[in-house]
N, C-alpha and C. Protein backbone atom coordinates (compact mmCIF):
# COMPACT_ATOMS: atom_id res chain seq x y z
N MET A 1 0.82 -1.19 0.00
CA MET A 1 0.00 0.00 0.00
C MET A 1 0.87 1.26 0.00
N ARG A 2 1.98 1.23 0.67
CA ARG A 2 2.85 2.39 0.77
C ARG A 2 3.40 2.85 -0.58
N PRO A 3 3.81 1.96 -1.49
CA PRO A 3 4.29 2.40 -2.80
C PRO A 3 3.20 3.14 -3.59
N GLN A 4 1.93 2.75 -3.42
CA GLN A 4 0.85 3.42 -4.13
C GLN A 4 0.67 4.86 -3.62
N VAL A 5 0.78 5.06 -2.33
CA VAL A 5 0.65 6.40 -1.75
C VAL A 5 1.80 7.27 -2.24
N THR A 6 3.01 6.71 -2.29
CA THR A 6 4.16 7.45 -2.77
C THR A 6 3.97 7.86 -4.23
N LYS A 7 3.48 6.93 -5.05
CA LYS A 7 3.23 7.25 -6.46
C LYS A 7 2.16 8.33 -6.59
N LEU A 8 1.14 8.27 -5.78
CA LEU A 8 0.08 9.27 -5.83
C LEU A 8 0.61 10.65 -5.45
N LEU A 9 1.42 10.71 -4.40
CA LEU A 9 2.00 11.99 -3.97
C LEU A 9 2.94 12.55 -5.04
N MET A 10 3.70 11.69 -5.68
CA MET A 10 4.60 12.14 -6.74
C MET A 10 3.80 12.68 -7.93
N ALA A 11 2.69 12.03 -8.26
CA ALA A 11 1.85 12.49 -9.36
C ALA A 11 1.25 13.86 -9.04
N VAL A 12 0.79 14.04 -7.82
CA VAL A 12 0.22 15.32 -7.40
C VAL A 12 1.30 16.41 -7.45
N LEU A 13 2.49 16.09 -6.98
CA LEU A 13 3.59 17.04 -7.02
C LEU A 13 3.93 17.42 -8.46
N LEU A 14 3.99 16.46 -9.35
CA LEU A 14 4.30 16.72 -10.75
C LEU A 14 3.22 17.60 -11.39
N LEU A 15 1.96 17.31 -11.13
CA LEU A 15 0.88 18.13 -11.67
C LEU A 15 0.94 19.56 -11.14
N THR A 16 1.28 19.72 -9.89
CA THR A 16 1.40 21.05 -9.29
C THR A 16 2.52 21.83 -9.96
N VAL A 17 3.64 21.20 -10.20
CA VAL A 17 4.77 21.87 -10.85
C VAL A 17 4.40 22.26 -12.28
N VAL A 18 3.76 21.38 -13.02
CA VAL A 18 3.36 21.69 -14.39
C VAL A 18 2.36 22.85 -14.40
N TRP A 19 1.42 22.83 -13.47
CA TRP A 19 0.44 23.92 -13.37
C TRP A 19 1.15 25.24 -13.06
N GLY A 20 2.09 25.24 -12.13
CA GLY A 20 2.83 26.45 -11.78
C GLY A 20 3.63 26.98 -12.96
N LEU A 21 4.25 26.10 -13.72
CA LEU A 21 5.01 26.54 -14.90
C LEU A 21 4.09 27.13 -15.96
N SER A 22 2.88 26.61 -16.08
CA SER A 22 1.95 27.17 -17.07
C SER A 22 1.54 28.58 -16.67
N LEU A 23 1.47 28.88 -15.38
CA LEU A 23 1.15 30.24 -14.94
C LEU A 23 2.28 31.20 -15.28
N VAL A 24 3.50 30.76 -15.11
CA VAL A 24 4.65 31.61 -15.42
C VAL A 24 4.71 31.88 -16.92
N ARG A 25 4.42 30.86 -17.73
CA ARG A 25 4.47 31.01 -19.17
C ARG A 25 3.43 32.01 -19.66
N ASP A 26 2.26 32.11 -19.01
CA ASP A 26 1.19 33.00 -19.45
C ASP A 26 1.41 34.44 -19.03
N ALA A 27 2.51 34.77 -18.42
CA ALA A 27 2.78 36.14 -17.98
C ALA A 27 4.03 36.67 -18.68
N PRO A 28 3.97 36.93 -20.00
CA PRO A 28 5.18 37.28 -20.75
C PRO A 28 5.74 38.65 -20.43
N ASN A 29 4.91 39.61 -20.05
CA ASN A 29 5.39 40.97 -19.86
C ASN A 29 5.61 41.36 -18.40
N ARG A 30 5.45 40.43 -17.51
CA ARG A 30 5.65 40.73 -16.09
C ARG A 30 7.09 40.46 -15.71
N ILE A 31 7.78 41.48 -15.29
CA ILE A 31 9.16 41.31 -14.86
C ILE A 31 9.19 41.54 -13.36
N TRP A 32 9.46 40.49 -12.62
CA TRP A 32 9.42 40.59 -11.17
C TRP A 32 10.82 40.70 -10.56
N VAL A 33 11.83 40.24 -11.28
CA VAL A 33 13.19 40.25 -10.75
C VAL A 33 14.07 41.10 -11.66
N HIS A 34 14.76 42.05 -11.08
CA HIS A 34 15.68 42.91 -11.82
C HIS A 34 17.09 42.64 -11.32
N PRO A 35 18.07 42.63 -12.20
CA PRO A 35 19.45 42.45 -11.75
C PRO A 35 19.84 43.58 -10.79
N LEU A 36 20.67 43.28 -9.82
CA LEU A 36 21.09 44.29 -8.85
C LEU A 36 21.87 45.42 -9.51
N SER A 37 22.59 45.10 -10.58
CA SER A 37 23.39 46.12 -11.24
C SER A 37 22.53 47.04 -12.12
N ALA A 38 21.30 46.66 -12.40
CA ALA A 38 20.45 47.46 -13.29
C ALA A 38 19.83 48.62 -12.53
N THR A 39 19.97 49.79 -13.08
CA THR A 39 19.29 50.96 -12.52
C THR A 39 18.18 51.32 -13.50
N PRO A 40 16.93 51.19 -13.07
CA PRO A 40 15.84 51.47 -13.99
C PRO A 40 15.81 52.95 -14.37
N GLY A 41 15.40 53.19 -15.58
CA GLY A 41 15.26 54.56 -16.05
C GLY A 41 13.99 55.18 -15.49
N PRO A 42 13.64 56.34 -15.97
CA PRO A 42 12.43 57.00 -15.47
C PRO A 42 11.18 56.25 -15.92
N VAL A 43 10.15 56.35 -15.11
CA VAL A 43 8.89 55.71 -15.46
C VAL A 43 8.29 56.44 -16.67
N ARG A 44 7.76 55.64 -17.60
CA ARG A 44 7.16 56.24 -18.80
C ARG A 44 5.87 55.51 -19.13
N ILE A 45 4.86 56.26 -19.54
CA ILE A 45 3.64 55.68 -20.08
C ILE A 45 3.81 55.74 -21.60
N LEU A 46 3.94 54.58 -22.21
CA LEU A 46 4.18 54.53 -23.65
C LEU A 46 2.88 54.67 -24.44
N ARG A 47 1.81 54.03 -23.96
CA ARG A 47 0.51 54.11 -24.63
C ARG A 47 -0.59 54.03 -23.59
N PHE A 48 -1.70 54.74 -23.87
CA PHE A 48 -2.91 54.66 -23.06
C PHE A 48 -4.06 55.07 -23.97
N TYR A 49 -4.93 54.12 -24.31
CA TYR A 49 -5.97 54.39 -25.30
C TYR A 49 -7.15 53.44 -25.11
N ALA A 50 -8.28 53.81 -25.70
CA ALA A 50 -9.46 52.95 -25.73
C ALA A 50 -9.54 52.31 -27.11
N SER A 51 -10.09 51.12 -27.16
CA SER A 51 -10.15 50.38 -28.42
C SER A 51 -11.12 51.00 -29.42
N THR A 52 -11.96 51.91 -28.97
CA THR A 52 -12.91 52.57 -29.85
C THR A 52 -13.06 54.02 -29.42
N GLY A 53 -13.51 54.87 -30.32
CA GLY A 53 -13.65 56.29 -30.01
C GLY A 53 -14.87 56.61 -29.17
N SER A 54 -15.94 55.82 -29.33
CA SER A 54 -17.15 56.03 -28.54
C SER A 54 -17.94 54.72 -28.50
N VAL A 55 -18.80 54.61 -27.50
CA VAL A 55 -19.64 53.43 -27.33
C VAL A 55 -21.05 53.89 -26.98
N THR A 56 -21.98 52.95 -26.96
CA THR A 56 -23.32 53.23 -26.47
C THR A 56 -23.41 52.67 -25.05
N PRO A 57 -24.36 53.12 -24.25
CA PRO A 57 -24.45 52.65 -22.86
C PRO A 57 -24.50 51.12 -22.79
N GLY A 58 -23.65 50.54 -21.94
CA GLY A 58 -23.60 49.10 -21.76
C GLY A 58 -22.71 48.36 -22.74
N GLN A 59 -22.29 49.02 -23.81
CA GLN A 59 -21.41 48.38 -24.78
C GLN A 59 -20.01 48.27 -24.17
N LYS A 60 -19.31 47.18 -24.49
CA LYS A 60 -17.98 47.00 -23.92
C LYS A 60 -16.91 47.56 -24.84
N ALA A 61 -15.78 47.90 -24.24
CA ALA A 61 -14.61 48.37 -24.97
C ALA A 61 -13.37 47.90 -24.20
N GLN A 62 -12.21 48.07 -24.80
CA GLN A 62 -10.96 47.72 -24.15
C GLN A 62 -10.20 49.01 -23.83
N LEU A 63 -9.68 49.09 -22.62
CA LEU A 63 -8.82 50.20 -22.22
C LEU A 63 -7.42 49.61 -22.15
N CYS A 64 -6.53 50.07 -23.03
CA CYS A 64 -5.21 49.45 -23.18
C CYS A 64 -4.10 50.41 -22.76
N TYR A 65 -3.02 49.86 -22.23
CA TYR A 65 -1.91 50.69 -21.77
C TYR A 65 -0.60 49.94 -21.91
N SER A 66 0.47 50.73 -21.90
CA SER A 66 1.82 50.19 -21.94
C SER A 66 2.69 51.11 -21.09
N VAL A 67 3.37 50.55 -20.09
CA VAL A 67 4.24 51.36 -19.22
C VAL A 67 5.62 50.74 -19.16
N GLU A 68 6.59 51.58 -18.87
CA GLU A 68 7.99 51.14 -18.78
C GLU A 68 8.56 51.64 -17.46
N ASN A 69 9.31 50.78 -16.78
CA ASN A 69 9.97 51.11 -15.52
C ASN A 69 8.98 51.51 -14.43
N ALA A 70 7.81 50.91 -14.43
CA ALA A 70 6.80 51.22 -13.42
C ALA A 70 6.82 50.17 -12.31
N LYS A 71 6.80 50.65 -11.08
CA LYS A 71 6.72 49.76 -9.92
C LYS A 71 5.26 49.37 -9.71
N LEU A 72 4.36 50.32 -9.88
CA LEU A 72 2.93 50.04 -9.78
C LEU A 72 2.16 51.05 -10.60
N ILE A 73 0.93 50.67 -10.95
CA ILE A 73 0.06 51.58 -11.70
C ILE A 73 -1.31 51.58 -11.06
N HIS A 74 -2.08 52.62 -11.38
CA HIS A 74 -3.45 52.74 -10.91
C HIS A 74 -4.26 53.41 -12.00
N ILE A 75 -5.41 52.84 -12.33
CA ILE A 75 -6.31 53.46 -13.30
C ILE A 75 -7.57 53.87 -12.56
N SER A 76 -7.96 55.12 -12.73
CA SER A 76 -9.20 55.57 -12.10
C SER A 76 -10.12 56.13 -13.16
N PRO A 77 -11.41 55.91 -13.06
CA PRO A 77 -12.04 55.08 -12.04
C PRO A 77 -11.58 53.63 -12.18
N LEU A 78 -11.67 52.91 -11.09
CA LEU A 78 -11.19 51.54 -11.02
C LEU A 78 -11.81 50.69 -12.12
N VAL A 79 -10.98 49.99 -12.88
CA VAL A 79 -11.46 49.23 -14.03
C VAL A 79 -11.18 47.73 -13.90
N GLY A 80 -10.72 47.29 -12.79
CA GLY A 80 -10.39 45.87 -12.64
C GLY A 80 -8.91 45.71 -12.36
N ARG A 81 -8.41 44.53 -12.64
CA ARG A 81 -7.03 44.19 -12.32
C ARG A 81 -6.07 44.85 -13.31
N ALA A 82 -5.27 45.75 -12.83
CA ALA A 82 -4.27 46.41 -13.67
C ALA A 82 -2.90 46.28 -12.99
N TYR A 83 -1.89 46.01 -13.77
CA TYR A 83 -0.54 45.82 -13.25
C TYR A 83 0.44 46.38 -14.27
N PRO A 84 1.66 46.71 -13.85
CA PRO A 84 2.66 47.22 -14.80
C PRO A 84 2.90 46.20 -15.92
N SER A 85 2.83 46.66 -17.15
CA SER A 85 3.00 45.77 -18.29
C SER A 85 3.38 46.57 -19.53
N LEU A 86 4.11 45.93 -20.42
CA LEU A 86 4.42 46.57 -21.70
C LEU A 86 3.22 46.52 -22.64
N LYS A 87 2.26 45.63 -22.36
CA LYS A 87 1.06 45.55 -23.19
C LYS A 87 -0.03 44.85 -22.40
N ASN A 88 -1.08 45.61 -22.05
CA ASN A 88 -2.21 45.01 -21.35
C ASN A 88 -3.47 45.80 -21.66
N CYS A 89 -4.60 45.11 -21.68
CA CYS A 89 -5.90 45.74 -21.88
C CYS A 89 -6.86 45.21 -20.83
N VAL A 90 -7.75 46.07 -20.37
CA VAL A 90 -8.80 45.67 -19.45
C VAL A 90 -10.14 46.01 -20.09
N GLU A 91 -11.14 45.17 -19.83
CA GLU A 91 -12.46 45.38 -20.41
C GLU A 91 -13.24 46.38 -19.57
N ILE A 92 -13.91 47.31 -20.24
CA ILE A 92 -14.72 48.31 -19.55
C ILE A 92 -16.12 48.33 -20.15
N HIS A 93 -17.10 48.74 -19.34
CA HIS A 93 -18.51 48.83 -19.73
C HIS A 93 -19.07 50.16 -19.25
N PRO A 94 -18.66 51.28 -19.84
CA PRO A 94 -19.12 52.57 -19.32
C PRO A 94 -20.60 52.83 -19.64
N GLU A 95 -21.30 53.44 -18.69
CA GLU A 95 -22.70 53.80 -18.88
C GLU A 95 -22.85 55.26 -19.31
N HIS A 96 -21.82 56.05 -19.09
CA HIS A 96 -21.83 57.47 -19.47
C HIS A 96 -20.41 57.87 -19.85
N THR A 97 -20.27 59.02 -20.49
CA THR A 97 -18.94 59.49 -20.88
C THR A 97 -18.04 59.52 -19.66
N THR A 98 -16.87 58.89 -19.78
CA THR A 98 -15.99 58.70 -18.62
C THR A 98 -14.58 59.17 -18.93
N HIS A 99 -13.98 59.86 -17.98
CA HIS A 99 -12.60 60.33 -18.07
C HIS A 99 -11.72 59.35 -17.28
N TYR A 100 -10.82 58.65 -17.96
CA TYR A 100 -9.95 57.66 -17.33
C TYR A 100 -8.55 58.25 -17.17
N THR A 101 -7.93 57.99 -16.02
CA THR A 101 -6.58 58.46 -15.75
C THR A 101 -5.70 57.28 -15.35
N LEU A 102 -4.55 57.18 -16.01
CA LEU A 102 -3.54 56.17 -15.67
C LEU A 102 -2.43 56.86 -14.92
N GLN A 103 -2.13 56.36 -13.73
CA GLN A 103 -1.03 56.89 -12.92
C GLN A 103 0.00 55.78 -12.77
N ALA A 104 1.24 56.07 -13.11
CA ALA A 104 2.31 55.08 -12.99
C ALA A 104 3.39 55.63 -12.07
N GLU A 105 3.81 54.79 -11.12
CA GLU A 105 4.87 55.18 -10.18
C GLU A 105 6.12 54.37 -10.50
N GLY A 106 7.25 55.06 -10.63
CA GLY A 106 8.51 54.41 -10.96
C GLY A 106 9.23 53.88 -9.73
N PHE A 107 10.28 53.12 -9.97
CA PHE A 107 11.09 52.57 -8.89
C PHE A 107 11.83 53.67 -8.12
N ASP A 108 12.04 54.81 -8.78
CA ASP A 108 12.73 55.93 -8.13
C ASP A 108 11.76 56.87 -7.41
N GLY A 109 10.47 56.53 -7.38
CA GLY A 109 9.48 57.35 -6.69
C GLY A 109 8.80 58.38 -7.58
N SER A 110 9.27 58.55 -8.82
CA SER A 110 8.64 59.52 -9.72
C SER A 110 7.28 58.99 -10.16
N VAL A 111 6.39 59.93 -10.49
CA VAL A 111 5.02 59.58 -10.88
C VAL A 111 4.70 60.31 -12.17
N THR A 112 3.99 59.61 -13.06
CA THR A 112 3.53 60.23 -14.30
C THR A 112 2.08 59.87 -14.53
N PHE A 113 1.36 60.73 -15.27
CA PHE A 113 -0.06 60.55 -15.51
C PHE A 113 -0.35 60.65 -17.00
N ARG A 114 -1.41 60.00 -17.42
CA ARG A 114 -1.96 60.19 -18.76
C ARG A 114 -3.46 59.96 -18.66
N SER A 115 -4.24 60.75 -19.40
CA SER A 115 -5.70 60.66 -19.32
C SER A 115 -6.31 60.56 -20.71
N ILE A 116 -7.48 59.91 -20.75
CA ILE A 116 -8.29 59.87 -21.96
C ILE A 116 -9.75 59.97 -21.55
N THR A 117 -10.59 60.37 -22.49
CA THR A 117 -12.03 60.41 -22.25
C THR A 117 -12.71 59.53 -23.29
N LEU A 118 -13.55 58.63 -22.81
CA LEU A 118 -14.31 57.76 -23.71
C LEU A 118 -15.74 58.25 -23.74
N ALA A 119 -16.18 58.68 -24.91
CA ALA A 119 -17.54 59.22 -25.07
C ALA A 119 -18.55 58.07 -25.14
N VAL A 120 -19.65 58.25 -24.43
CA VAL A 120 -20.76 57.30 -24.51
C VAL A 120 -21.91 58.04 -25.18
N GLN A 121 -22.25 57.57 -26.36
CA GLN A 121 -23.31 58.19 -27.16
C GLN A 121 -24.64 57.54 -26.82
N ALA A 122 -25.70 58.36 -26.83
CA ALA A 122 -27.04 57.80 -26.62
C ALA A 122 -27.36 56.86 -27.77
N ARG A 123 -28.11 55.84 -27.48
CA ARG A 123 -28.49 54.91 -28.53
C ARG A 123 -29.34 55.64 -29.55
N PRO A 124 -29.10 55.39 -30.83
CA PRO A 124 -29.93 56.06 -31.84
C PRO A 124 -31.37 55.57 -31.72
N PRO A 125 -32.34 56.47 -31.94
CA PRO A 125 -33.73 56.04 -31.82
C PRO A 125 -34.06 55.02 -32.90
N ARG A 126 -34.94 54.13 -32.54
CA ARG A 126 -35.36 53.13 -33.52
C ARG A 126 -36.19 53.82 -34.59
N PRO A 127 -36.02 53.42 -35.83
CA PRO A 127 -36.84 54.03 -36.87
C PRO A 127 -38.31 53.67 -36.65
N ALA A 128 -39.18 54.64 -36.94
CA ALA A 128 -40.61 54.40 -36.78
C ALA A 128 -41.03 53.29 -37.72
N GLN A 129 -41.90 52.44 -37.22
CA GLN A 129 -42.37 51.36 -38.07
C GLN A 129 -43.39 51.90 -39.05
N VAL A 130 -43.19 51.60 -40.29
CA VAL A 130 -44.09 52.04 -41.34
C VAL A 130 -45.12 50.95 -41.56
N LEU A 131 -46.36 51.35 -41.47
CA LEU A 131 -47.43 50.41 -41.70
C LEU A 131 -47.71 50.38 -43.19
N ASN A 132 -47.48 49.28 -43.80
CA ASN A 132 -47.64 49.16 -45.24
C ASN A 132 -49.03 48.62 -45.51
N VAL A 133 -49.93 49.52 -45.94
CA VAL A 133 -51.32 49.12 -46.20
C VAL A 133 -51.51 49.08 -47.70
N ALA A 134 -51.92 47.97 -48.17
CA ALA A 134 -52.17 47.84 -49.61
C ALA A 134 -53.51 48.50 -49.94
N SER A 135 -53.50 49.21 -51.03
CA SER A 135 -54.76 49.85 -51.42
C SER A 135 -55.64 48.81 -52.09
N VAL A 136 -56.88 48.88 -51.78
CA VAL A 136 -57.83 47.93 -52.33
C VAL A 136 -58.87 48.72 -53.10
N GLU A 137 -59.10 48.33 -54.30
CA GLU A 137 -60.11 49.01 -55.10
C GLU A 137 -61.41 48.23 -54.98
N LEU A 138 -62.45 48.97 -54.70
CA LEU A 138 -63.76 48.34 -54.62
C LEU A 138 -64.58 48.81 -55.82
N ALA A 139 -65.21 47.93 -56.42
CA ALA A 139 -66.04 48.27 -57.56
C ALA A 139 -67.50 48.00 -57.21
N ASN A 140 -68.34 48.91 -57.64
CA ASN A 140 -69.75 48.66 -57.39
C ASN A 140 -70.31 47.80 -58.51
N SER A 141 -71.52 47.57 -58.46
CA SER A 141 -72.12 46.67 -59.44
C SER A 141 -72.04 47.20 -60.87
N LEU A 142 -71.80 48.50 -61.07
CA LEU A 142 -71.70 49.05 -62.41
C LEU A 142 -70.27 49.02 -62.92
N GLY A 143 -69.34 48.56 -62.12
CA GLY A 143 -67.95 48.50 -62.53
C GLY A 143 -67.18 49.77 -62.25
N ARG A 144 -67.79 50.69 -61.53
CA ARG A 144 -67.09 51.93 -61.19
C ARG A 144 -66.32 51.74 -59.88
N VAL A 145 -65.14 52.33 -59.85
CA VAL A 145 -64.30 52.25 -58.62
C VAL A 145 -64.84 53.22 -57.59
N ILE A 146 -65.04 52.77 -56.44
CA ILE A 146 -65.52 53.65 -55.38
C ILE A 146 -64.35 54.19 -54.59
């Protein structure tokens, strides 16, 4: 019985390691370890934009950003999980025109900002339904159209 338990524990350990490696592989732009000799440059916001110029209420869009040498970032109003990255987008569902601000803090304590406004347009009114009534000609007994 003991060899079976050992094999089971080894299988669980192997699956855990494979799962952990898959998490690391899915994070291509996250740099958590910097060489001690490296001195990071100033924090820079390379890009901050919305995937579309305007939306209608409830329609989704992507808010995308790219930062360099950032220790942490904050997007307001809060849009979900945001972290320093060379390329990341978060999904947003604005109900009204919203002004978004990205704040990035560098390793040296410097802070930089960039803002955008995403317009939310009212839904266009539905076109009025046209009632299509066919004309019917009625003839009296003399053959005249009434």
